[in-house]
């Protein structure tokens, strides 16, 4: 149970990071 929640938190954290990365990439592209 605890391991499952732990891995879910890691996966959701990676998803949040990827969303931020995509937003930054779009931001830099729009500046150029």
PDB file of N, CA and C in Angstrom:
ATOM      1  N   UNK A   1       0.843  -1.213   0.000  1.00  0.00           N
ATOM      2  CA  UNK A   1       0.000   0.000   0.000  1.00  0.00           C
ATOM      3  C   UNK A   1       0.876   1.261   0.000  1.00  0.00           C
ATOM      4  N   UNK A   2       1.796   1.364   0.963  1.00  0.00           N
ATOM      5  CA  UNK A   2       2.651   2.551   1.058  1.00  0.00           C
ATOM      6  C   UNK A   2       3.521   2.707  -0.182  1.00  0.00           C
ATOM      7  N   UNK A   3       4.082   1.579  -0.667  1.00  0.00           N
ATOM      8  CA  UNK A   3       4.931   1.648  -1.867  1.00  0.00           C
ATOM      9  C   UNK A   3       4.119   2.138  -3.059  1.00  0.00           C
ATOM     10  N   UNK A   4       2.892   1.675  -3.187  1.00  0.00           N
ATOM     11  CA  UNK A   4       2.041   2.096  -4.302  1.00  0.00           C
ATOM     12  C   UNK A   4       1.813   3.602  -4.269  1.00  0.00           C
ATOM     13  N   UNK A   5       1.488   4.129  -3.080  1.00  0.00           N
ATOM     14  CA  UNK A   5       1.270   5.574  -2.952  1.00  0.00           C
ATOM     15  C   UNK A   5       2.551   6.331  -3.259  1.00  0.00           C
ATOM     16  N   UNK A   6       3.684   5.796  -2.795  1.00  0.00           N
ATOM     17  CA  UNK A   6       4.984   6.438  -3.021  1.00  0.00           C
ATOM     18  C   UNK A   6       5.272   6.547  -4.509  1.00  0.00           C
ATOM     19  N   UNK A   7       5.076   5.426  -5.238  1.00  0.00           N
ATOM     20  CA  UNK A   7       5.335   5.447  -6.684  1.00  0.00           C
ATOM     21  C   UNK A   7       4.357   6.369  -7.405  1.00  0.00           C
ATOM     22  N   UNK A   8       3.108   6.411  -6.951  1.00  0.00           N
ATOM     23  CA  UNK A   8       2.120   7.310  -7.573  1.00  0.00           C
ATOM     24  C   UNK A   8       2.555   8.761  -7.394  1.00  0.00           C
ATOM     25  N   UNK A   9       3.088   9.091  -6.209  1.00  0.00           N
ATOM     26  CA  UNK A   9       3.551  10.464  -5.960  1.00  0.00           C
ATOM     27  C   UNK A   9       4.718  10.804  -6.869  1.00  0.00           C
ATOM     28  N   UNK A  10       5.641   9.850  -7.081  1.00  0.00           N
ATOM     29  CA  UNK A  10       6.787  10.084  -7.971  1.00  0.00           C
ATOM     30  C   UNK A  10       6.284  10.327  -9.390  1.00  0.00           C
ATOM     31  N   UNK A  11       5.336   9.492  -9.847  1.00  0.00           N
ATOM     32  CA  UNK A  11       4.809   9.626 -11.212  1.00  0.00           C
ATOM     33  C   UNK A  11       4.116  10.979 -11.369  1.00  0.00           C
ATOM     34  N   UNK A  12       3.295  11.368 -10.395  1.00  0.00           N
ATOM     35  CA  UNK A  12       2.589  12.653 -10.481  1.00  0.00           C
ATOM     36  C   UNK A  12       3.589  13.800 -10.441  1.00  0.00           C
ATOM     37  N   UNK A  13       4.649  13.663  -9.661  1.00  0.00           N
ATOM     38  CA  UNK A  13       5.690  14.688  -9.602  1.00  0.00           C
ATOM     39  C   UNK A  13       6.372  14.848 -10.945  1.00  0.00           C
ATOM     40  N   UNK A  14       6.649  13.705 -11.611  1.00  0.00           N
ATOM     41  CA  UNK A  14       7.275  13.760 -12.935  1.00  0.00           C
ATOM     42  C   UNK A  14       6.333  14.430 -13.926  1.00  0.00           C
ATOM     43  N   UNK A  15       5.035  14.154 -13.828  1.00  0.00           N
ATOM     44  CA  UNK A  15       4.057  14.767 -14.732  1.00  0.00           C
ATOM     45  C   UNK A  15       4.051  16.279 -14.537  1.00  0.00           C
ATOM     46  N   UNK A  16       4.110  16.725 -13.282  1.00  0.00           N
ATOM     47  CA  UNK A  16       4.122  18.168 -12.993  1.00  0.00           C
ATOM     48  C   UNK A  16       5.372  18.792 -13.586  1.00  0.00           C
ATOM     49  N   UNK A  17       6.537  18.122 -13.421  1.00  0.00           N
ATOM     50  CA  UNK A  17       7.788  18.647 -13.977  1.00  0.00           C
ATOM     51  C   UNK A  17       7.704  18.738 -15.490  1.00  0.00           C
ATOM     52  N   UNK A  18       7.157  17.710 -16.128  1.00  0.00           N
ATOM     53  CA  UNK A  18       7.068  17.724 -17.592  1.00  0.00           C
ATOM     54  C   UNK A  18       6.153  18.855 -18.061  1.00  0.00           C
ATOM     55  N   UNK A  19       5.079  19.129 -17.320  1.00  0.00           N
ATOM     56  CA  UNK A  19       4.170  20.225 -17.680  1.00  0.00           C
ATOM     57  C   UNK A  19       4.912  21.557 -17.581  1.00  0.00           C
ATOM     58  N   UNK A  20       5.692  21.736 -16.505  1.00  0.00           N
ATOM     59  CA  UNK A  20       6.465  22.978 -16.333  1.00  0.00           C
ATOM     60  C   UNK A  20       7.478  23.108 -17.457  1.00  0.00           C
ATOM     61  N   UNK A  21       8.148  22.002 -17.803  1.00  0.00           N
ATOM     62  CA  UNK A  21       9.135  22.029 -18.888  1.00  0.00           C
ATOM     63  C   UNK A  21       8.470  22.428 -20.200  1.00  0.00           C
ATOM     64  N   UNK A  22       7.304  21.858 -20.500  1.00  0.00           N
ATOM     65  CA  UNK A  22       6.586  22.200 -21.734  1.00  0.00           C
ATOM     66  C   UNK A  22       6.216  23.679 -21.744  1.00  0.00           C
ATOM     67  N   UNK A  23       5.748  24.196 -20.607  1.00  0.00           N
ATOM     68  CA  UNK A  23       5.373  25.605 -20.523  1.00  0.00           C
ATOM     69  C   UNK A  23       6.591  26.491 -20.757  1.00  0.00           C
ATOM     70  N   UNK A  24       7.749  26.114 -20.181  1.00  0.00           N
ATOM     71  CA  UNK A  24       8.978  26.895 -20.369  1.00  0.00           C
ATOM     72  C   UNK A  24       9.410  26.871 -21.825  1.00  0.00           C
ATOM     73  N   UNK A  25       9.347  25.703 -22.460  1.00  0.00           N
ATOM     74  CA  UNK A  25       9.737  25.583 -23.874  1.00  0.00           C
ATOM     75  C   UNK A  25       8.839  26.476 -24.730  1.00  0.00           C
ATOM     76  N   UNK A  26       7.522  26.415 -24.502  1.00  0.00           N
ATOM     77  CA  UNK A  26       6.577  27.247 -25.267  1.00  0.00           C
ATOM     78  C   UNK A  26       6.877  28.724 -25.005  1.00  0.00           C
ATOM     79  N   UNK A  27       7.177  29.069 -23.756  1.00  0.00           N
ATOM     80  CA  UNK A  27       7.477  30.457 -23.377  1.00  0.00           C
ATOM     81  C   UNK A  27       8.694  30.964 -24.144  1.00  0.00           C
ATOM     82  N   UNK A  28       9.771  30.165 -24.179  1.00  0.00           N
ATOM     83  CA  UNK A  28      10.992  30.580 -24.885  1.00  0.00           C
ATOM     84  C   UNK A  28      10.750  30.665 -26.386  1.00  0.00           C
ATOM     85  N   UNK A  29       9.954  29.746 -26.925  1.00  0.00           N
ATOM     86  CA  UNK A  29       9.671  29.773 -28.363  1.00  0.00           C
ATOM     87  C   UNK A  29       8.873  31.021 -28.733  1.00  0.00           C
ATOM     88  N   UNK A  30       7.937  31.414 -27.876  1.00  0.00           N
ATOM     89  CA  UNK A  30       7.110  32.586 -28.178  1.00  0.00           C
ATOM     90  C   UNK A  30       7.934  33.870 -28.073  1.00  0.00           C
ATOM     91  N   UNK A  31       8.944  33.887 -27.193  1.00  0.00           N
ATOM     92  CA  UNK A  31       9.816  35.071 -27.073  1.00  0.00           C
ATOM     93  C   UNK A  31      10.605  35.232 -28.376  1.00  0.00           C
ATOM     94  N   UNK A  32      11.131  34.120 -28.904  1.00  0.00           N
ATOM     95  CA  UNK A  32      11.907  34.161 -30.149  1.00  0.00           C
ATOM     96  C   UNK A  32      10.941  34.272 -31.328  1.00  0.00           C
TER      97      UNK A  32
END
